[in-house]
Amino acid sequence: MSVKKMPVAIVGLLLGLGLAQAHAEAPNYYECHGKDISLKFYDHSYVNGTTLFNLNLDKKSYSVNDDANIETQATVMGDVKSITTKILPDVSVKKASFIIPTINLGVNVAGDLISNVNFKSKLIVTTIATPFISNVYIGVVNTSKYYDLSCKASLVFIPL
């Protein structure tokens, strides 16, 4: 290639790269499995506007289908989604929390459609001591168990 044609080639390459722009959407459906664990999370269904959190853990099932009972906390690891699984008044509250890293799905710069992504996560089951006593509770206030999860994130419905 001659020196005179090189600037034309560089401009053409830059224009071509500018035209191939990536488009990203956040996933809205997550399905995870671990030892004796099955978790499904559907974030804001486009059909009826609800959020679904279904958890099977140690042969028990928990299902929450509204935003009011699903807590969300943004962290550097991603969003942590939590549900309350058990309340013993004046004793403890048990919560199950699932870590969702930031994920982008869609068409990448090469034009490939990336419609799902596999990732590893954790389910954290925390028992928060809430005893009805006159003094400060002494000991570990919130004990946790950590479970490994293999997950898949996808878009169930892509809005136009």
Protein backbone atom coordinates (compact mmCIF):
# COMPACT_ATOMS: atom_id res chain seq x y z
CA MET A 1 0.00 0.00 0.00
CA SER A 2 1.38 3.38 -0.94
CA VAL A 3 1.85 6.14 1.58
CA LYS A 4 -0.77 8.29 -0.22
CA LYS A 5 -3.47 5.57 0.11
CA MET A 6 -2.74 4.87 3.78
CA PRO A 7 -4.69 7.86 5.21
CA VAL A 8 -7.69 6.85 3.08
CA ALA A 9 -7.49 3.30 4.42
CA ILE A 10 -7.24 4.53 8.01
CA VAL A 11 -10.25 6.86 7.57
CA GLY A 12 -12.23 3.98 6.01
CA LEU A 13 -11.34 1.70 8.90
CA LEU A 14 -12.34 4.30 11.48
CA LEU A 15 -15.66 4.97 9.72
CA GLY A 16 -16.34 1.24 9.55
CA LEU A 17 -15.67 0.82 13.25
CA GLY A 18 -17.93 3.75 14.05
CA LEU A 19 -20.83 2.21 12.13
CA ALA A 20 -20.62 -1.13 13.95
CA GLN A 21 -21.85 -0.05 17.35
CA ALA A 22 -22.71 -2.47 20.10
CA HIS A 23 -26.21 -2.46 21.59
CA ALA A 24 -26.68 -3.77 25.13
CA GLU A 25 -29.62 -4.73 27.31
CA ALA A 26 -29.56 -5.92 30.91
CA PRO A 27 -30.88 -9.48 31.33
CA ASN A 28 -34.25 -9.88 32.99
CA TYR A 29 -34.24 -13.63 33.67
CA TYR A 30 -31.78 -15.57 35.80
CA GLU A 31 -31.77 -19.29 36.46
CA CYS A 32 -29.32 -20.82 38.93
CA HIS A 33 -28.55 -24.25 40.34
CA GLY A 34 -26.40 -25.49 43.18
CA LYS A 35 -26.31 -28.47 45.51
CA ASP A 36 -29.98 -28.93 46.55
CA ILE A 37 -30.70 -25.40 45.26
CA SER A 38 -32.79 -24.10 42.39
CA LEU A 39 -33.31 -20.36 41.94
CA LYS A 40 -35.24 -18.42 39.29
CA PHE A 41 -35.45 -14.65 39.20
CA TYR A 42 -37.49 -12.75 36.62
CA ASP A 43 -37.00 -9.01 36.85
CA HIS A 44 -40.04 -6.86 35.94
CA SER A 45 -42.08 -9.02 33.63
CA TYR A 46 -43.08 -7.08 30.53
CA VAL A 47 -46.40 -8.91 30.59
CA ASN A 48 -47.74 -7.81 33.97
CA GLY A 49 -45.02 -5.68 35.56
CA THR A 50 -44.22 -8.02 38.45
CA THR A 51 -40.92 -9.41 39.64
CA LEU A 52 -40.67 -13.11 40.48
CA PHE A 53 -38.18 -14.75 42.87
CA ASN A 54 -38.51 -18.54 43.24
CA LEU A 55 -36.13 -20.46 45.47
CA ASN A 56 -35.95 -24.16 46.30
CA LEU A 57 -33.49 -24.79 49.11
CA ASP A 58 -33.12 -27.88 51.29
CA LYS A 59 -36.47 -29.31 50.09
CA LYS A 60 -38.32 -26.08 50.95
CA SER A 61 -39.84 -23.71 48.41
CA TYR A 62 -40.08 -19.93 48.64
CA SER A 63 -41.86 -17.79 46.08
CA VAL A 64 -42.18 -14.00 46.04
CA ASN A 65 -43.92 -12.23 43.19
CA ASP A 66 -43.85 -8.54 44.00
CA ASP A 67 -41.26 -5.78 44.27
CA ALA A 68 -42.35 -4.81 47.79
CA ASN A 69 -41.04 -8.09 49.24
CA ILE A 70 -37.83 -8.32 47.21
CA GLU A 71 -35.05 -6.13 48.58
CA THR A 72 -32.37 -4.79 46.22
CA GLN A 73 -28.98 -3.47 47.30
CA ALA A 74 -26.46 -2.16 44.77
CA THR A 75 -22.87 -3.18 45.60
CA VAL A 76 -19.52 -3.28 43.80
CA MET A 77 -20.18 -7.00 43.15
CA GLY A 78 -23.49 -6.21 41.44
CA ASP A 79 -27.04 -6.15 42.74
CA VAL A 80 -27.96 -8.24 45.75
CA LYS A 81 -31.58 -9.43 45.67
CA SER A 82 -32.98 -10.64 49.01
CA ILE A 83 -36.18 -12.21 50.28
CA THR A 84 -37.28 -13.03 53.81
CA THR A 85 -37.71 -16.78 54.24
CA LYS A 86 -38.59 -16.99 57.93
CA ILE A 87 -39.52 -14.71 60.83
CA LEU A 88 -39.46 -15.82 64.44
CA PRO A 89 -40.76 -12.81 66.39
CA ASP A 90 -38.36 -11.61 69.08
CA VAL A 91 -35.82 -14.26 68.04
CA SER A 92 -34.59 -13.95 64.43
CA VAL A 93 -35.22 -13.13 60.79
CA LYS A 94 -33.84 -15.36 58.03
CA LYS A 95 -33.09 -13.94 54.56
CA ALA A 96 -31.89 -15.49 51.30
CA SER A 97 -29.76 -13.23 49.10
CA PHE A 98 -28.59 -13.75 45.54
CA ILE A 99 -25.75 -11.79 43.91
CA ILE A 100 -26.36 -10.63 40.32
CA PRO A 101 -23.25 -9.20 38.63
CA THR A 102 -23.61 -6.47 36.01
CA ILE A 103 -24.22 -8.21 32.67
CA ASN A 104 -24.83 -6.80 29.18
CA LEU A 105 -26.60 -8.82 26.49
CA GLY A 106 -27.29 -7.85 22.90
CA VAL A 107 -25.42 -7.33 19.66
CA ASN A 108 -21.68 -6.92 20.03
CA VAL A 109 -19.38 -4.85 17.78
CA ALA A 110 -18.86 -7.82 15.44
CA GLY A 111 -22.63 -8.07 14.94
CA ASP A 112 -23.07 -11.27 16.94
CA LEU A 113 -26.19 -11.61 19.08
CA ILE A 114 -25.29 -12.58 22.65
CA SER A 115 -28.64 -13.66 24.12
CA ASN A 116 -27.46 -15.42 27.29
CA VAL A 117 -24.42 -15.60 29.53
CA ASN A 118 -23.33 -18.22 32.07
CA PHE A 119 -21.81 -17.00 35.33
CA LYS A 120 -21.00 -18.10 38.88
CA SER A 121 -22.69 -16.54 41.89
CA LYS A 122 -23.54 -17.12 45.53
CA LEU A 123 -26.70 -17.64 47.50
CA ILE A 124 -26.26 -16.30 51.01
CA VAL A 125 -28.68 -17.37 53.73
CA THR A 126 -28.40 -15.03 56.70
CA THR A 127 -30.00 -15.37 60.11
CA ILE A 128 -30.29 -12.02 61.87
CA ALA A 129 -30.70 -12.24 65.64
CA THR A 130 -33.54 -10.04 66.90
CA PRO A 131 -33.98 -11.10 70.53
CA PHE A 132 -36.35 -9.21 72.77
CA ILE A 133 -33.96 -8.45 75.62
CA SER A 134 -33.21 -5.34 77.66
CA ASN A 135 -29.44 -5.39 76.96
CA VAL A 136 -27.42 -5.36 73.76
CA TYR A 137 -27.23 -8.79 72.12
CA ILE A 138 -23.73 -10.23 72.55
CA GLY A 139 -22.40 -12.54 69.85
CA VAL A 140 -22.62 -12.79 66.09
CA VAL A 141 -25.74 -10.85 65.14
CA ASN A 142 -26.00 -12.05 61.57
CA THR A 143 -24.65 -15.52 60.81
CA SER A 144 -24.52 -16.58 57.16
CA LYS A 145 -24.18 -19.72 55.07
CA TYR A 146 -22.79 -19.41 51.54
CA TYR A 147 -23.82 -21.65 48.64
CA ASP A 148 -22.17 -21.85 45.21
CA LEU A 149 -24.42 -21.30 42.21
CA SER A 150 -24.01 -21.87 38.48
CA CYS A 151 -26.26 -19.41 36.68
CA LYS A 152 -27.51 -18.36 33.28
CA ALA A 153 -28.72 -14.82 32.51
CA SER A 154 -30.96 -14.12 29.53
CA LEU A 155 -33.54 -11.79 28.06
CA VAL A 156 -36.95 -13.38 28.04
CA PHE A 157 -38.49 -10.51 26.07
CA ILE A 158 -36.66 -7.77 24.19
CA PRO A 159 -38.78 -4.60 23.98
CA LEU A 160 -38.84 -2.82 20.63
